[in-house]
Amino acid sequence: MDTSKSFPMNRRSFILSTMNLAASVAISPRELLAEARKFDAEYYRRHRKFLDVDQGRVAYLEKGHGPPALFLHGFPLNGYQWRGALERLHTLRRCIAPDLMGMGCSEIRDDVAITPNSQVDMLASFLDRLRIREVDLITDNKASVSCNPRI
């Protein structure tokens, strides 16, 4: 067999065919649908909790046991953003995904301004009420409040 002749394929074709092959082998549509149904919007609505803090009432989802992990969403989303991560990690961690003030189902007092500092104060109060002294933060690229050491 002559191996000196190569099959002509450009990078775009190669990447596309590789991605298609990987996707078809990795997971079937039936598995994707079953995974999505485990943690759909209805599940989120039924299992959502509320916790009163100084700034108002924080809506959050909590699932699992173990070391706590706090999932902070970006603007203008809510804790539901983290549904896939919570579903996958709840067997290893106590996963907590609050709705930040002014977003999702959290309710704030009329006299509380929504600022980065007030969000930090709310999160500190939230963690205190849950009796969490140490937490791992998981954020998206817009949850800059996570950079504040006061949390």
Protein backbone atom coordinates (compact mmCIF):
# COMPACT_ATOMS: atom_id res chain seq x y z
CA MET A 1 0.00 0.00 0.00
CA ASP A 2 1.34 3.38 -1.00
CA THR A 3 1.24 5.71 2.02
CA SER A 4 2.90 8.64 0.26
CA LYS A 5 -0.44 9.92 -1.01
CA SER A 6 -2.54 11.65 1.61
CA PHE A 7 -6.24 12.21 1.74
CA PRO A 8 -6.90 15.93 1.12
CA MET A 9 -8.61 17.44 4.14
CA ASN A 10 -8.42 20.99 5.38
CA ARG A 11 -8.43 21.95 9.05
CA ARG A 12 -12.05 23.06 8.99
CA SER A 13 -13.26 19.73 7.63
CA PHE A 14 -11.09 17.82 10.06
CA ILE A 15 -12.29 19.76 13.10
CA LEU A 16 -15.93 19.53 12.04
CA SER A 17 -15.80 15.79 11.44
CA THR A 18 -13.93 15.21 14.71
CA MET A 19 -16.47 17.24 16.67
CA ASN A 20 -19.37 15.38 15.07
CA LEU A 21 -17.80 12.03 15.86
CA ALA A 22 -17.07 13.00 19.46
CA ALA A 23 -20.59 14.33 19.98
CA SER A 24 -22.24 11.23 18.59
CA VAL A 25 -20.13 8.92 20.73
CA ALA A 26 -20.19 10.96 23.94
CA ILE A 27 -23.90 11.22 24.62
CA SER A 28 -27.15 10.43 22.93
CA PRO A 29 -30.09 12.87 22.68
CA ARG A 30 -32.12 10.60 24.97
CA GLU A 31 -29.49 10.93 27.72
CA LEU A 32 -29.38 14.70 27.26
CA LEU A 33 -33.14 14.96 27.60
CA ALA A 34 -33.21 12.76 30.70
CA GLU A 35 -30.46 14.86 32.30
CA ALA A 36 -32.31 18.10 31.57
CA ARG A 37 -35.56 16.80 33.08
CA LYS A 38 -33.89 16.08 36.42
CA PHE A 39 -33.37 19.77 37.09
CA ASP A 40 -35.86 21.71 35.01
CA ALA A 41 -37.57 25.00 35.87
CA GLU A 42 -40.39 23.20 37.68
CA TYR A 43 -37.88 21.45 39.95
CA TYR A 44 -36.25 24.80 40.64
CA ARG A 45 -39.59 26.39 41.51
CA ARG A 46 -40.64 23.55 43.84
CA HIS A 47 -37.33 23.29 45.69
CA ARG A 48 -36.49 26.98 45.97
CA LYS A 49 -36.01 28.15 49.56
CA PHE A 50 -36.05 31.61 51.12
CA LEU A 51 -33.92 33.01 53.91
CA ASP A 52 -34.49 36.32 55.67
CA VAL A 53 -31.39 38.51 55.97
CA ASP A 54 -30.88 42.16 56.92
CA GLN A 55 -31.29 43.28 53.31
CA GLY A 56 -34.48 41.34 52.60
CA ARG A 57 -35.40 37.81 51.61
CA VAL A 58 -32.92 35.72 49.62
CA ALA A 59 -34.20 33.04 47.26
CA TYR A 60 -31.83 30.12 46.86
CA LEU A 61 -31.49 26.50 45.91
CA GLU A 62 -29.57 24.11 48.12
CA LYS A 63 -28.80 20.54 47.25
CA GLY A 64 -26.37 17.96 48.59
CA HIS A 65 -24.13 17.39 51.57
CA GLY A 66 -20.47 17.92 52.26
CA PRO A 67 -18.21 20.95 52.10
CA PRO A 68 -20.25 23.99 51.04
CA ALA A 69 -19.88 25.53 47.60
CA LEU A 70 -21.54 28.86 46.84
CA PHE A 71 -22.53 29.35 43.20
CA LEU A 72 -22.87 33.04 42.23
CA HIS A 73 -24.63 33.93 39.00
CA GLY A 74 -23.88 36.87 36.76
CA PHE A 75 -26.05 39.76 35.67
CA PRO A 76 -28.97 39.58 34.76
CA LEU A 77 -29.42 35.90 35.61
CA ASN A 78 -30.36 33.96 38.77
CA GLY A 79 -29.32 30.82 40.62
CA TYR A 80 -31.07 28.63 38.05
CA GLN A 81 -28.06 29.31 35.84
CA TRP A 82 -26.16 26.72 37.88
CA ARG A 83 -28.71 23.88 37.56
CA GLY A 84 -26.38 21.62 35.59
CA ALA A 85 -23.49 22.08 38.00
CA LEU A 86 -25.69 21.50 41.05
CA GLU A 87 -27.13 18.34 39.53
CA ARG A 88 -23.67 16.97 38.87
CA LEU A 89 -21.94 18.07 42.09
CA HIS A 90 -24.59 17.62 44.79
CA THR A 91 -23.34 14.13 45.62
CA LEU A 92 -19.95 15.61 46.54
CA ARG A 93 -20.76 19.06 47.93
CA ARG A 94 -23.41 21.10 49.67
CA CYS A 95 -24.29 23.22 46.65
CA ILE A 96 -25.94 26.59 47.32
CA ALA A 97 -27.08 28.92 44.54
CA PRO A 98 -28.69 32.17 45.76
CA ASP A 99 -30.43 34.76 43.62
CA LEU A 100 -28.53 38.01 44.08
CA MET A 101 -30.45 41.12 45.12
CA GLY A 102 -32.58 42.57 42.36
CA MET A 103 -32.48 39.36 40.33
CA GLY A 104 -34.43 36.15 40.33
CA CYS A 105 -36.88 35.69 43.20
CA SER A 106 -34.91 37.45 45.94
CA GLU A 107 -36.78 40.34 47.53
CA ILE A 108 -34.97 43.35 48.96
CA ARG A 109 -36.10 46.04 51.33
CA ASP A 110 -37.02 49.36 49.73
CA ASP A 111 -34.29 51.22 51.62
CA VAL A 112 -31.46 48.93 50.41
CA ALA A 113 -29.45 50.19 47.44
CA ILE A 114 -28.25 47.53 45.03
CA THR A 115 -24.49 48.07 44.88
CA PRO A 116 -21.52 45.70 44.80
CA ASN A 117 -20.94 46.41 48.51
CA SER A 118 -24.55 45.71 49.44
CA GLN A 119 -24.44 42.44 47.47
CA VAL A 120 -21.36 41.45 49.48
CA ASP A 121 -23.11 42.41 52.73
CA MET A 122 -26.13 40.34 51.71
CA LEU A 123 -23.97 37.31 50.89
CA ALA A 124 -22.07 37.60 54.18
CA SER A 125 -25.36 37.79 56.08
CA PHE A 126 -26.76 34.91 54.03
CA LEU A 127 -23.77 32.68 54.86
CA ASP A 128 -23.95 33.70 58.53
CA ARG A 129 -27.62 32.70 58.70
CA LEU A 130 -26.78 29.35 57.13
CA ARG A 131 -23.97 29.00 59.73
CA ILE A 132 -21.35 28.63 57.02
CA ARG A 133 -17.93 29.88 58.07
CA GLU A 134 -15.95 28.71 55.03
CA VAL A 135 -17.16 28.23 51.50
CA ASP A 136 -15.72 27.64 48.06
CA LEU A 137 -16.95 30.24 45.57
CA ILE A 138 -17.93 29.28 42.07
CA THR A 139 -18.72 32.21 39.81
CA ASP A 140 -19.08 33.05 36.19
CA ASN A 141 -17.03 35.82 34.64
CA LYS A 142 -19.57 38.47 35.61
CA ALA A 143 -19.93 37.70 39.31
CA SER A 144 -17.15 40.10 40.30
CA VAL A 145 -18.51 40.30 43.83
CA SER A 146 -16.63 37.03 44.37
CA CYS A 147 -13.35 38.94 44.43
CA ASN A 148 -14.28 40.63 47.69
CA PRO A 149 -12.53 39.06 50.71
CA ARG A 150 -15.37 40.09 53.04
CA ILE A 151 -17.44 37.14 51.85
